[in-house]
Amino acid sequence: MADSKTKPALIQQLDQLSRETRGLERLAEVIFNLTAANILVLLLSMFLTPFQYLMETSFLFPNFFVIATFAVPLSFMALYSLRGFERIKYVGRVRLEEISDELHWNQSLMDRRPAPLTPNSKADVEVRILLKRFSINEKLPFTAREGGETVYALVNIVAPLTAIALSIFTQP
């Protein structure tokens, strides 16, 4: 029967979606932490700017050194992580839709009579939880809608540019 062939394929796809969900969770944390670090470097740069006027030499930890050492690499790492997040999200979303279609198609073929709870009921709940977990994790922290990746990308581009502008235009 066709259902027996699709079952192992469906299980493989569910396993892959589970791995993609964990990947999204990890990347979202990495992106958030890199963005927070980038903002902290910007704040540090803003904090150090007035102290450059007090020093006769700018040898002691100048702003540009802070920016070149920390802000720019953090931005590149965050943008690269965002690219990976987008790729996993796209592939996972396609997989999620196909799994949902397959489950709906299988459900429509089955009899609509209420069935008693069986060991398969637990698997059905786990599948629904996995599908919802993926849907939740395809959004970055503190972003409620689509476009959160754009916000994070802009922050990671604007923060080091602002820090560079502060270090260049506020030289004594």
N, C-alpha and C. Protein backbone atom coordinates (compact mmCIF):
# COMPACT_ATOMS: atom_id res chain seq x y z
N MET A 1 0.84 -1.18 0.00
CA MET A 1 0.00 0.00 0.00
C MET A 1 0.88 1.25 0.00
N ALA A 2 0.40 2.33 -0.61
CA ALA A 2 1.18 3.56 -0.73
C ALA A 2 1.47 4.17 0.63
N ASP A 3 0.57 3.98 1.58
CA ASP A 3 0.75 4.55 2.90
C ASP A 3 1.97 3.97 3.61
N SER A 4 2.26 2.69 3.41
CA SER A 4 3.41 2.07 4.05
C SER A 4 4.72 2.60 3.47
N LYS A 5 4.72 3.04 2.21
CA LYS A 5 5.92 3.63 1.61
C LYS A 5 6.14 5.05 2.10
N THR A 6 5.06 5.80 2.25
CA THR A 6 5.21 7.19 2.65
C THR A 6 5.54 7.33 4.12
N LYS A 7 5.22 6.34 4.93
CA LYS A 7 5.47 6.43 6.37
C LYS A 7 6.96 6.60 6.69
N PRO A 8 7.87 5.73 6.16
CA PRO A 8 9.29 5.95 6.46
C PRO A 8 9.80 7.28 5.91
N ALA A 9 9.35 7.68 4.74
CA ALA A 9 9.77 8.97 4.18
C ALA A 9 9.29 10.10 5.06
N LEU A 10 8.09 9.99 5.58
CA LEU A 10 7.55 11.02 6.46
C LEU A 10 8.36 11.09 7.75
N ILE A 11 8.73 9.95 8.29
CA ILE A 11 9.54 9.93 9.51
C ILE A 11 10.90 10.56 9.26
N GLN A 12 11.50 10.28 8.11
CA GLN A 12 12.78 10.91 7.76
C GLN A 12 12.64 12.42 7.66
N GLN A 13 11.57 12.87 7.05
CA GLN A 13 11.35 14.31 6.91
C GLN A 13 11.10 14.97 8.27
N LEU A 14 10.40 14.27 9.14
CA LEU A 14 10.17 14.80 10.49
C LEU A 14 11.49 14.89 11.27
N ASP A 15 12.35 13.89 11.12
CA ASP A 15 13.66 13.94 11.77
C ASP A 15 14.48 15.11 11.24
N GLN A 16 14.43 15.32 9.93
CA GLN A 16 15.17 16.43 9.34
C GLN A 16 14.60 17.77 9.82
N LEU A 17 13.28 17.87 9.91
CA LEU A 17 12.66 19.10 10.40
C LEU A 17 13.05 19.35 11.86
N SER A 18 13.15 18.29 12.63
CA SER A 18 13.58 18.42 14.03
C SER A 18 15.01 18.97 14.10
N ARG A 19 15.90 18.47 13.26
CA ARG A 19 17.28 18.98 13.22
C ARG A 19 17.30 20.44 12.78
N GLU A 20 16.49 20.77 11.80
CA GLU A 20 16.43 22.16 11.34
C GLU A 20 15.88 23.08 12.42
N THR A 21 14.93 22.59 13.19
CA THR A 21 14.38 23.39 14.29
C THR A 21 15.45 23.67 15.32
N ARG A 22 16.23 22.65 15.68
CA ARG A 22 17.32 22.86 16.64
C ARG A 22 18.37 23.81 16.07
N GLY A 23 18.64 23.70 14.76
CA GLY A 23 19.57 24.62 14.12
C GLY A 23 19.09 26.06 14.17
N LEU A 24 17.80 26.26 13.93
CA LEU A 24 17.24 27.61 14.02
C LEU A 24 17.34 28.15 15.44
N GLU A 25 17.06 27.30 16.43
CA GLU A 25 17.16 27.73 17.83
C GLU A 25 18.57 28.19 18.15
N ARG A 26 19.57 27.40 17.75
CA ARG A 26 20.96 27.75 18.04
C ARG A 26 21.38 29.01 17.30
N LEU A 27 21.05 29.09 16.02
CA LEU A 27 21.44 30.27 15.24
C LEU A 27 20.76 31.53 15.75
N ALA A 28 19.51 31.43 16.17
CA ALA A 28 18.81 32.60 16.71
C ALA A 28 19.53 33.11 17.95
N GLU A 29 20.00 32.20 18.79
CA GLU A 29 20.74 32.64 19.98
C GLU A 29 22.07 33.25 19.61
N VAL A 30 22.76 32.66 18.66
CA VAL A 30 24.05 33.21 18.21
C VAL A 30 23.85 34.60 17.63
N ILE A 31 22.84 34.76 16.79
CA ILE A 31 22.58 36.07 16.16
C ILE A 31 22.23 37.10 17.22
N PHE A 32 21.38 36.73 18.17
CA PHE A 32 21.02 37.67 19.23
C PHE A 32 22.25 38.07 20.04
N ASN A 33 23.08 37.11 20.42
CA ASN A 33 24.27 37.41 21.22
C ASN A 33 25.26 38.27 20.46
N LEU A 34 25.48 37.99 19.18
CA LEU A 34 26.39 38.80 18.37
C LEU A 34 25.86 40.23 18.22
N THR A 35 24.56 40.36 18.03
CA THR A 35 23.96 41.69 17.90
C THR A 35 24.08 42.46 19.21
N ALA A 36 23.82 41.79 20.33
CA ALA A 36 23.96 42.44 21.64
C ALA A 36 25.40 42.86 21.87
N ALA A 37 26.35 42.01 21.50
CA ALA A 37 27.77 42.36 21.66
C ALA A 37 28.12 43.55 20.77
N ASN A 38 27.56 43.60 19.58
CA ASN A 38 27.80 44.72 18.68
C ASN A 38 27.27 46.03 19.27
N ILE A 39 26.11 45.97 19.87
CA ILE A 39 25.55 47.16 20.52
C ILE A 39 26.40 47.57 21.71
N LEU A 40 26.90 46.59 22.47
CA LEU A 40 27.78 46.91 23.60
C LEU A 40 29.07 47.56 23.15
N VAL A 41 29.63 47.11 22.03
CA VAL A 41 30.83 47.75 21.49
C VAL A 41 30.53 49.19 21.09
N LEU A 42 29.37 49.42 20.50
CA LEU A 42 28.98 50.78 20.15
C LEU A 42 28.87 51.64 21.40
N LEU A 43 28.24 51.11 22.44
CA LEU A 43 28.12 51.86 23.69
C LEU A 43 29.49 52.12 24.32
N LEU A 44 30.38 51.13 24.27
CA LEU A 44 31.73 51.31 24.78
C LEU A 44 32.45 52.40 23.99
N SER A 45 32.28 52.39 22.69
CA SER A 45 32.88 53.42 21.85
C SER A 45 32.35 54.80 22.20
N MET A 46 31.05 54.89 22.45
CA MET A 46 30.45 56.17 22.84
C MET A 46 30.97 56.60 24.21
N PHE A 47 31.19 55.64 25.10
CA PHE A 47 31.69 55.95 26.44
C PHE A 47 33.14 56.40 26.39
N LEU A 48 33.96 55.81 25.52
CA LEU A 48 35.38 56.14 25.46
C LEU A 48 35.65 57.46 24.73
N THR A 49 34.74 57.91 23.90
CA THR A 49 34.97 59.12 23.10
C THR A 49 35.29 60.35 23.96
N PRO A 50 34.53 60.67 25.01
CA PRO A 50 34.88 61.86 25.80
C PRO A 50 36.24 61.75 26.49
N PHE A 51 36.68 60.55 26.81
CA PHE A 51 37.95 60.39 27.51
C PHE A 51 39.15 60.61 26.60
N GLN A 52 38.95 60.55 25.30
CA GLN A 52 40.06 60.85 24.39
C GLN A 52 40.45 62.32 24.48
N TYR A 53 39.49 63.18 24.78
CA TYR A 53 39.80 64.60 24.92
C TYR A 53 40.62 64.87 26.17
N LEU A 54 40.45 64.07 27.20
CA LEU A 54 41.16 64.27 28.45
C LEU A 54 42.61 63.81 28.38
N MET A 55 42.89 62.90 27.48
CA MET A 55 44.25 62.38 27.36
C MET A 55 45.04 63.20 26.36
N GLU A 56 46.30 63.39 26.66
CA GLU A 56 47.14 64.14 25.73
C GLU A 56 47.52 63.29 24.52
N THR A 57 47.60 61.99 24.73
CA THR A 57 47.86 61.09 23.61
C THR A 57 46.69 60.13 23.49
N SER A 58 46.45 59.71 22.30
CA SER A 58 45.35 58.76 22.10
C SER A 58 45.87 57.33 22.04
N PHE A 59 47.03 57.09 22.67
CA PHE A 59 47.63 55.76 22.64
C PHE A 59 46.83 54.76 23.47
N LEU A 60 46.20 55.24 24.52
CA LEU A 60 45.51 54.35 25.45
C LEU A 60 44.18 53.90 24.87
N PHE A 61 44.18 52.77 24.19
CA PHE A 61 42.96 52.11 23.71
C PHE A 61 42.06 53.04 22.91
N PRO A 62 42.51 53.51 21.76
CA PRO A 62 41.68 54.42 20.97
C PRO A 62 40.43 53.72 20.43
N ASN A 63 39.43 54.52 20.16
CA ASN A 63 38.15 53.98 19.69
C ASN A 63 38.28 53.16 18.42
N PHE A 64 39.08 53.63 17.50
CA PHE A 64 39.17 52.93 16.23
C PHE A 64 39.70 51.51 16.41
N PHE A 65 40.60 51.32 17.37
CA PHE A 65 41.11 49.98 17.67
C PHE A 65 39.99 49.08 18.17
N VAL A 66 39.14 49.62 19.04
CA VAL A 66 37.99 48.86 19.56
C VAL A 66 37.08 48.44 18.41
N ILE A 67 36.81 49.37 17.53
CA ILE A 67 35.90 49.10 16.42
C ILE A 67 36.49 48.08 15.46
N ALA A 68 37.74 48.29 15.08
CA ALA A 68 38.37 47.37 14.12
C ALA A 68 38.53 45.97 14.69
N THR A 69 38.77 45.89 15.98
CA THR A 69 39.01 44.59 16.59
C THR A 69 37.72 43.85 16.90
N PHE A 70 36.68 44.56 17.29
CA PHE A 70 35.47 43.89 17.76
C PHE A 70 34.24 44.12 16.88
N ALA A 71 33.89 45.36 16.62
CA ALA A 71 32.62 45.66 15.96
C ALA A 71 32.52 45.09 14.55
N VAL A 72 33.54 45.29 13.76
CA VAL A 72 33.48 44.84 12.37
C VAL A 72 33.43 43.31 12.28
N PRO A 73 34.31 42.58 12.98
CA PRO A 73 34.17 41.11 12.92
C PRO A 73 32.84 40.60 13.49
N LEU A 74 32.35 41.23 14.56
CA LEU A 74 31.05 40.83 15.11
C LEU A 74 29.96 41.01 14.08
N SER A 75 30.01 42.11 13.34
CA SER A 75 29.00 42.37 12.32
C SER A 75 29.05 41.32 11.21
N PHE A 76 30.25 41.01 10.76
CA PHE A 76 30.37 40.00 9.70
C PHE A 76 29.88 38.64 10.18
N MET A 77 30.22 38.26 11.41
CA MET A 77 29.74 36.98 11.94
C MET A 77 28.22 36.97 12.07
N ALA A 78 27.65 38.08 12.53
CA ALA A 78 26.19 38.15 12.68
C ALA A 78 25.50 38.07 11.32
N LEU A 79 26.03 38.78 10.34
CA LEU A 79 25.43 38.75 9.00
C LEU A 79 25.57 37.37 8.36
N TYR A 80 26.69 36.71 8.58
CA TYR A 80 26.87 35.36 8.06
C TYR A 80 25.90 34.39 8.75
N SER A 81 25.71 34.56 10.05
CA SER A 81 24.76 33.72 10.79
C SER A 81 23.33 33.98 10.31
N LEU A 82 23.01 35.24 10.03
CA LEU A 82 21.68 35.57 9.49
C LEU A 82 21.44 34.89 8.15
N ARG A 83 22.48 34.84 7.34
CA ARG A 83 22.36 34.15 6.05
C ARG A 83 22.05 32.67 6.27
N GLY A 84 22.74 32.04 7.19
CA GLY A 84 22.48 30.63 7.49
C GLY A 84 21.09 30.43 8.06
N PHE A 85 20.66 31.35 8.92
CA PHE A 85 19.32 31.28 9.51
C PHE A 85 18.26 31.33 8.41
N GLU A 86 18.43 32.26 7.48
CA GLU A 86 17.48 32.39 6.37
C GLU A 86 17.43 31.13 5.52
N ARG A 87 18.60 30.54 5.24
CA ARG A 87 18.65 29.34 4.42
C ARG A 87 17.94 28.18 5.11
N ILE A 88 18.23 27.96 6.39
CA ILE A 88 17.58 26.87 7.13
C ILE A 88 16.09 27.13 7.23
N LYS A 89 15.71 28.38 7.45
CA LYS A 89 14.29 28.72 7.56
C LYS A 89 13.55 28.43 6.26
N TYR A 90 14.16 28.78 5.14
CA TYR A 90 13.51 28.55 3.84
C TYR A 90 13.33 27.06 3.59
N VAL A 91 14.39 26.28 3.77
CA VAL A 91 14.31 24.83 3.54
C VAL A 91 13.33 24.20 4.52
N GLY A 92 13.38 24.62 5.77
CA GLY A 92 12.47 24.07 6.77
C GLY A 92 11.02 24.42 6.51
N ARG A 93 10.78 25.62 6.01
CA ARG A 93 9.41 26.02 5.71
C ARG A 93 8.82 25.17 4.59
N VAL A 94 9.63 24.90 3.57
CA VAL A 94 9.18 24.01 2.48
C VAL A 94 8.88 22.63 3.04
N ARG A 95 9.78 22.12 3.89
CA ARG A 95 9.58 20.80 4.49
C ARG A 95 8.34 20.79 5.37
N LEU A 96 8.13 21.84 6.15
CA LEU A 96 6.95 21.94 7.02
C LEU A 96 5.66 21.89 6.20
N GLU A 97 5.62 22.64 5.10
CA GLU A 97 4.42 22.65 4.26
C GLU A 97 4.17 21.28 3.63
N GLU A 98 5.23 20.63 3.19
CA GLU A 98 5.07 19.30 2.58
C GLU A 98 4.61 18.27 3.62
N ILE A 99 5.16 18.34 4.82
CA ILE A 99 4.73 17.42 5.88
C ILE A 99 3.27 17.68 6.23
N SER A 100 2.91 18.95 6.34
CA SER A 100 1.52 19.29 6.66
C SER A 100 0.58 18.78 5.57
N ASP A 101 0.97 18.98 4.31
CA ASP A 101 0.14 18.48 3.21
C ASP A 101 0.01 16.97 3.27
N GLU A 102 1.10 16.27 3.53
CA GLU A 102 1.09 14.81 3.59
C GLU A 102 0.20 14.32 4.73
N LEU A 103 0.32 14.96 5.88
CA LEU A 103 -0.51 14.55 7.02
C LEU A 103 -1.98 14.83 6.76
N HIS A 104 -2.26 15.96 6.15
CA HIS A 104 -3.65 16.30 5.83
C HIS A 104 -4.20 15.33 4.79
N TRP A 105 -3.40 14.99 3.79
CA TRP A 105 -3.83 14.06 2.75
C TRP A 105 -4.11 12.69 3.35
N ASN A 106 -3.20 12.22 4.24
CA ASN A 106 -3.43 10.93 4.89
C ASN A 106 -4.67 10.96 5.76
N GLN A 107 -4.89 12.08 6.44
CA GLN A 107 -6.05 12.20 7.31
C GLN A 107 -7.34 12.17 6.50
N SER A 108 -7.34 12.81 5.33
CA SER A 108 -8.56 12.84 4.53
C SER A 108 -8.89 11.47 3.95
N LEU A 109 -7.90 10.61 3.80
CA LEU A 109 -8.15 9.26 3.30
C LEU A 109 -8.74 8.35 4.38
N MET A 110 -8.47 8.72 5.63
CA MET A 110 -8.93 7.86 6.73
C MET A 110 -10.41 8.12 7.02
N ASP A 111 -10.98 7.18 7.70
CA ASP A 111 -12.38 7.30 8.10
C ASP A 111 -12.50 8.42 9.13
N ARG A 112 -13.57 9.18 9.11
CA ARG A 112 -13.77 10.31 10.02
C ARG A 112 -14.38 9.91 11.36
N ARG A 113 -14.51 8.63 11.61
CA ARG A 113 -15.07 8.19 12.90
C ARG A 113 -14.10 8.53 14.02
N PRO A 114 -14.61 8.91 15.20
CA PRO A 114 -13.71 9.15 16.33
C PRO A 114 -13.03 7.84 16.73
N ALA A 115 -11.73 7.90 16.85
CA ALA A 115 -10.97 6.70 17.19
C ALA A 115 -10.56 6.77 18.65
N PRO A 116 -10.47 5.63 19.30
CA PRO A 116 -9.97 5.63 20.68
C PRO A 116 -8.49 6.00 20.68
N LEU A 117 -8.01 6.45 21.83
CA LEU A 117 -6.60 6.80 21.94
C LEU A 117 -5.75 5.56 21.74
N THR A 118 -4.76 5.71 20.89
CA THR A 118 -3.86 4.61 20.58
C THR A 118 -2.43 5.10 20.76
N PRO A 119 -1.44 4.21 20.69
CA PRO A 119 -0.05 4.67 20.76
C PRO A 119 0.29 5.67 19.65
N ASN A 120 -0.40 5.59 18.51
CA ASN A 120 -0.15 6.55 17.43
C ASN A 120 -0.63 7.95 17.78
N SER A 121 -1.58 8.07 18.71
CA SER A 121 -2.07 9.39 19.11
C SER A 121 -0.94 10.21 19.72
N LYS A 122 -0.06 9.56 20.49
CA LYS A 122 1.07 10.25 21.08
C LYS A 122 2.00 10.77 19.98
N ALA A 123 2.22 9.95 18.96
CA ALA A 123 3.07 10.37 17.84
C ALA A 123 2.44 11.56 17.12
N ASP A 124 1.13 11.55 16.96
CA ASP A 124 0.46 12.67 16.31
C ASP A 124 0.65 13.95 17.09
N VAL A 125 0.58 13.87 18.41
CA VAL A 125 0.79 15.05 19.25
C VAL A 125 2.23 15.53 19.11
N GLU A 126 3.18 14.61 19.11
CA GLU A 126 4.58 14.99 18.96
C GLU A 126 4.84 15.65 17.60
N VAL A 127 4.19 15.16 16.57
CA VAL A 127 4.34 15.77 15.24
C VAL A 127 3.79 17.18 15.24
N ARG A 128 2.62 17.38 15.82
CA ARG A 128 2.03 18.72 15.89
C ARG A 128 2.92 19.66 16.70
N ILE A 129 3.48 19.16 17.79
CA ILE A 129 4.38 19.99 18.61
C ILE A 129 5.61 20.37 17.80
N LEU A 130 6.18 19.43 17.06
CA LEU A 130 7.35 19.71 16.23
C LEU A 130 7.03 20.77 15.18
N LEU A 131 5.89 20.65 14.53
CA LEU A 131 5.50 21.63 13.51
C LEU A 131 5.32 23.01 14.13
N LYS A 132 4.73 23.08 15.31
CA LYS A 132 4.55 24.38 15.98
C LYS A 132 5.88 24.94 16.45
N ARG A 133 6.77 24.06 16.96
CA ARG A 133 8.09 24.52 17.40
C ARG A 133 8.85 25.16 16.25
N PHE A 134 8.79 24.53 15.08
CA PHE A 134 9.48 25.11 13.93
C PHE A 134 8.88 26.47 13.59
N SER A 135 7.56 26.55 13.58
CA SER A 135 6.89 27.82 13.25
C SER A 135 7.28 28.92 14.23
N ILE A 136 7.42 28.58 15.49
CA ILE A 136 7.81 29.56 16.50
C ILE A 136 9.27 29.96 16.32
N ASN A 137 10.13 29.00 16.05
CA ASN A 137 11.57 29.26 15.99
C ASN A 137 12.03 29.89 14.69
N GLU A 138 11.14 30.07 13.73
CA GLU A 138 11.57 30.74 12.51
C GLU A 138 11.54 32.26 12.66
N LYS A 139 11.27 32.73 13.86
CA LYS A 139 11.34 34.16 14.16
C LYS A 139 12.49 34.38 15.14
N LEU A 140 13.21 35.47 14.94
CA LEU A 140 14.32 35.80 15.82
C LEU A 140 13.81 36.40 17.13
N PRO A 141 14.62 36.34 18.20
CA PRO A 141 14.19 36.90 19.48
C PRO A 141 13.81 38.39 19.38
N PHE A 142 12.77 38.75 20.07
CA PHE A 142 12.25 40.13 20.15
C PHE A 142 11.72 40.66 18.82
N THR A 143 11.43 39.78 17.88
CA THR A 143 10.77 40.19 16.65
C THR A 143 9.48 39.40 16.55
N ALA A 144 8.40 40.11 16.40
CA ALA A 144 7.09 39.46 16.43
C ALA A 144 6.62 39.01 15.05
N ARG A 145 7.14 39.60 14.01
CA ARG A 145 6.62 39.31 12.66
C ARG A 145 7.75 38.99 11.71
N GLU A 146 7.35 38.80 10.45
CA GLU A 146 8.34 38.61 9.39
C GLU A 146 9.19 39.88 9.30
N GLY A 147 10.38 39.74 8.84
CA GLY A 147 11.25 40.89 8.69
C GLY A 147 12.18 41.10 9.86
N GLY A 148 12.16 40.21 10.83
CA GLY A 148 13.06 40.33 11.97
C GLY A 148 14.51 40.23 11.54
N GLU A 149 14.77 39.43 10.51
CA GLU A 149 16.13 39.30 10.00
C GLU A 149 16.63 40.63 9.46
N THR A 150 15.75 41.38 8.83
CA THR A 150 16.12 42.69 8.30
C THR A 150 16.49 43.64 9.42
N VAL A 151 15.73 43.61 10.50
CA VAL A 151 16.02 44.47 11.65
C VAL A 151 17.39 44.13 12.22
N TYR A 152 17.64 42.84 12.42
CA TYR A 152 18.94 42.42 12.95
C TYR A 152 20.08 42.79 12.00
N ALA A 153 19.87 42.63 10.70
CA ALA A 153 20.90 42.98 9.72
C ALA A 153 21.19 44.48 9.77
N LEU A 154 20.14 45.29 9.84
CA LEU A 154 20.34 46.74 9.90
C LEU A 154 21.09 47.15 11.16
N VAL A 155 20.73 46.56 12.30
CA VAL A 155 21.42 46.89 13.55
C VAL A 155 22.90 46.51 13.43
N ASN A 156 23.17 45.35 12.84
CA ASN A 156 24.56 44.90 12.73
C ASN A 156 25.35 45.65 11.66
N ILE A 157 24.68 46.38 10.80
CA ILE A 157 25.38 47.24 9.84
C ILE A 157 25.52 48.65 10.40
N VAL A 158 24.46 49.16 11.00
CA VAL A 158 24.46 50.54 11.49
C VAL A 158 25.34 50.71 12.73
N ALA A 159 25.36 49.74 13.62
CA ALA A 159 26.13 49.88 14.87
C ALA A 159 27.62 50.11 14.60
N PRO A 160 28.29 49.29 13.79
CA PRO A 160 29.71 49.57 13.57
C PRO A 160 29.96 50.83 12.75
N LEU A 161 29.04 51.14 11.81
CA LEU A 161 29.20 52.38 11.05
C LEU A 161 29.08 53.59 11.96
N THR A 162 28.17 53.53 12.90
CA THR A 162 28.03 54.62 13.87
C THR A 162 29.26 54.72 14.75
N ALA A 163 29.77 53.59 15.18
CA ALA A 163 30.98 53.59 16.01
C ALA A 163 32.17 54.15 15.22
N ILE A 164 32.28 53.79 13.95
CA ILE A 164 33.36 54.33 13.11
C ILE A 164 33.20 55.83 12.95
N ALA A 165 31.98 56.28 12.68
CA ALA A 165 31.73 57.72 12.54
C ALA A 165 32.07 58.46 13.83
N LEU A 166 31.70 57.90 14.96
CA LEU A 166 32.03 58.53 16.24
C LEU A 166 33.54 58.63 16.43
N SER A 167 34.26 57.59 16.08
CA SER A 167 35.71 57.61 16.31
C SER A 167 36.42 58.56 15.35
N ILE A 168 35.90 58.70 14.14
CA ILE A 168 36.56 59.56 13.16
C ILE A 168 36.22 61.03 13.39
N PHE A 169 34.94 61.32 13.59
CA PHE A 169 34.51 62.71 13.65
C PHE A 169 34.61 63.34 15.03
N THR A 170 34.99 62.59 16.02
CA THR A 170 35.13 63.18 17.36
C THR A 170 36.58 63.16 17.81
N GLN A 171 37.52 63.11 16.86
CA GLN A 171 38.94 63.15 17.22
C GLN A 171 39.29 64.56 17.70
N PRO A 172 40.13 64.65 18.73
CA PRO A 172 40.51 65.98 19.25
C PRO A 172 41.38 66.75 18.28
